[in-house]
Amino acid sequence: MSFQTTNNYLTAPTSPNPYITRKLNNIDEAKMMKEEKNNWTKIYHKTLKGLEAMIDMQKQVKNMIKIAEETNTIITEIKIQF
């Protein structure tokens, strides 16, 4: 069993095999990284949905403007005829 010196005290590793604790720490780190990746993926998809909704609204507004312009032109033509 190996001992480590920290702050003038001798401490024994929690496991007789230091590789095991390192491996467990790496597993925890991997889980944390996966969770962080999933969080960023969720944020990314929410952002995409928001952008798609904004694009749809812009298309609808453009269509409404076209319809309003056509209606205005028709009304103007009708006024000119009478």
C-alpha atoms as a PDB file:
ATOM      1  CA  MET A   1       0.000   0.000   0.000  1.00  0.00           C
ATOM      2  CA  SER A   2       1.440   3.379  -0.928  1.00  0.00           C
ATOM      3  CA  PHE A   3       1.057   6.473   1.169  1.00  0.00           C
ATOM      4  CA  GLN A   4       0.768  10.046  -0.054  1.00  0.00           C
ATOM      5  CA  THR A   5       2.069  13.077   1.778  1.00  0.00           C
ATOM      6  CA  THR A   6      -0.206  16.106   1.847  1.00  0.00           C
ATOM      7  CA  ASN A   7       0.243  19.032   4.225  1.00  0.00           C
ATOM      8  CA  ASN A   8       2.786  17.090   6.302  1.00  0.00           C
ATOM      9  CA  TYR A   9       0.277  14.311   6.966  1.00  0.00           C
ATOM     10  CA  LEU A  10       0.423  10.797   5.611  1.00  0.00           C
ATOM     11  CA  THR A  11      -2.817   9.699   3.994  1.00  0.00           C
ATOM     12  CA  ALA A  12      -3.631   6.310   2.639  1.00  0.00           C
ATOM     13  CA  PRO A  13      -5.517   6.038  -0.644  1.00  0.00           C
ATOM     14  CA  THR A  14      -9.144   5.042  -0.280  1.00  0.00           C
ATOM     15  CA  SER A  15      -8.549   1.987  -2.414  1.00  0.00           C
ATOM     16  CA  PRO A  16      -5.540  -0.312  -2.321  1.00  0.00           C
ATOM     17  CA  ASN A  17      -5.361   0.087  -6.087  1.00  0.00           C
ATOM     18  CA  PRO A  18      -5.076   3.793  -7.049  1.00  0.00           C
ATOM     19  CA  TYR A  19      -6.170   2.942 -10.610  1.00  0.00           C
ATOM     20  CA  ILE A  20      -9.641   2.057  -9.337  1.00  0.00           C
ATOM     21  CA  THR A  21     -10.269   5.469  -7.799  1.00  0.00           C
ATOM     22  CA  ARG A  22      -8.877   7.145 -10.904  1.00  0.00           C
ATOM     23  CA  LYS A  23     -11.136   5.003 -13.083  1.00  0.00           C
ATOM     24  CA  LEU A  24     -14.169   5.820 -10.941  1.00  0.00           C
ATOM     25  CA  ASN A  25     -13.311   9.512 -11.121  1.00  0.00           C
ATOM     26  CA  ASN A  26     -13.075   9.226 -14.896  1.00  0.00           C
ATOM     27  CA  ILE A  27     -16.483   7.529 -15.018  1.00  0.00           C
ATOM     28  CA  ASP A  28     -17.962  10.354 -12.958  1.00  0.00           C
ATOM     29  CA  GLU A  29     -16.281  12.876 -15.226  1.00  0.00           C
ATOM     30  CA  ALA A  30     -17.612  11.077 -18.305  1.00  0.00           C
ATOM     31  CA  LYS A  31     -21.140  11.098 -16.859  1.00  0.00           C
ATOM     32  CA  MET A  32     -20.811  14.796 -16.101  1.00  0.00           C
ATOM     33  CA  MET A  33     -19.589  15.531 -19.629  1.00  0.00           C
ATOM     34  CA  LYS A  34     -22.437  13.496 -21.129  1.00  0.00           C
ATOM     35  CA  GLU A  35     -24.990  15.370 -19.023  1.00  0.00           C
ATOM     36  CA  GLU A  36     -23.457  18.691 -20.047  1.00  0.00           C
ATOM     37  CA  LYS A  37     -23.568  17.613 -23.708  1.00  0.00           C
ATOM     38  CA  ASN A  38     -27.232  16.648 -23.343  1.00  0.00           C
ATOM     39  CA  ASN A  39     -27.979  20.037 -21.771  1.00  0.00           C
ATOM     40  CA  TRP A  40     -26.276  21.856 -24.648  1.00  0.00           C
ATOM     41  CA  THR A  41     -28.106  19.645 -27.148  1.00  0.00           C
ATOM     42  CA  LYS A  42     -31.436  20.580 -25.550  1.00  0.00           C
ATOM     43  CA  ILE A  43     -30.536  24.273 -25.658  1.00  0.00           C
ATOM     44  CA  TYR A  44     -29.474  23.929 -29.305  1.00  0.00           C
ATOM     45  CA  HIS A  45     -32.757  22.275 -30.296  1.00  0.00           C
ATOM     46  CA  LYS A  46     -34.814  24.844 -28.384  1.00  0.00           C
ATOM     47  CA  THR A  47     -32.908  27.611 -30.148  1.00  0.00           C
ATOM     48  CA  LEU A  48     -33.529  25.988 -33.529  1.00  0.00           C
ATOM     49  CA  LYS A  49     -37.236  25.679 -32.800  1.00  0.00           C
ATOM     50  CA  GLY A  50     -37.334  29.338 -31.798  1.00  0.00           C
ATOM     51  CA  LEU A  51     -35.553  30.376 -34.992  1.00  0.00           C
ATOM     52  CA  GLU A  52     -37.912  28.265 -37.092  1.00  0.00           C
ATOM     53  CA  ALA A  53     -40.886  29.903 -35.381  1.00  0.00           C
ATOM     54  CA  MET A  54     -39.444  33.365 -36.101  1.00  0.00           C
ATOM     55  CA  ILE A  55     -38.853  32.471 -39.749  1.00  0.00           C
ATOM     56  CA  ASP A  56     -42.434  31.191 -40.049  1.00  0.00           C
ATOM     57  CA  MET A  57     -43.742  34.430 -38.543  1.00  0.00           C
ATOM     58  CA  GLN A  58     -41.652  36.491 -40.971  1.00  0.00           C
ATOM     59  CA  LYS A  59     -43.070  34.488 -43.891  1.00  0.00           C
ATOM     60  CA  GLN A  60     -46.598  35.047 -42.616  1.00  0.00           C
ATOM     61  CA  VAL A  61     -45.999  38.788 -42.241  1.00  0.00           C
ATOM     62  CA  LYS A  62     -44.559  38.984 -45.777  1.00  0.00           C
ATOM     63  CA  ASN A  63     -47.607  37.125 -47.122  1.00  0.00           C
ATOM     64  CA  MET A  64     -49.922  39.473 -45.245  1.00  0.00           C
ATOM     65  CA  ILE A  65     -48.094  42.497 -46.673  1.00  0.00           C
ATOM     66  CA  LYS A  66     -48.436  41.080 -50.210  1.00  0.00           C
ATOM     67  CA  ILE A  67     -52.143  40.464 -49.705  1.00  0.00           C
ATOM     68  CA  ALA A  68     -52.586  43.983 -48.275  1.00  0.00           C
ATOM     69  CA  GLU A  69     -50.732  45.505 -51.258  1.00  0.00           C
ATOM     70  CA  GLU A  70     -52.846  43.517 -53.727  1.00  0.00           C
ATOM     71  CA  THR A  71     -56.016  44.551 -51.908  1.00  0.00           C
ATOM     72  CA  ASN A  72     -54.902  48.179 -51.906  1.00  0.00           C
ATOM     73  CA  THR A  73     -54.209  47.996 -55.642  1.00  0.00           C
ATOM     74  CA  ILE A  74     -57.630  46.487 -56.315  1.00  0.00           C
ATOM     75  CA  ILE A  75     -59.353  49.145 -54.201  1.00  0.00           C
ATOM     76  CA  THR A  76     -57.429  51.885 -56.006  1.00  0.00           C
ATOM     77  CA  GLU A  77     -58.446  50.445 -59.399  1.00  0.00           C
ATOM     78  CA  ILE A  78     -62.075  50.257 -58.307  1.00  0.00           C
ATOM     79  CA  LYS A  79     -61.996  53.899 -57.134  1.00  0.00           C
ATOM     80  CA  ILE A  80     -60.510  54.998 -60.459  1.00  0.00           C
ATOM     81  CA  GLN A  81     -63.260  53.226 -62.399  1.00  0.00           C
ATOM     82  CA  PHE A  82     -66.031  55.004 -60.496  1.00  0.00           C
END
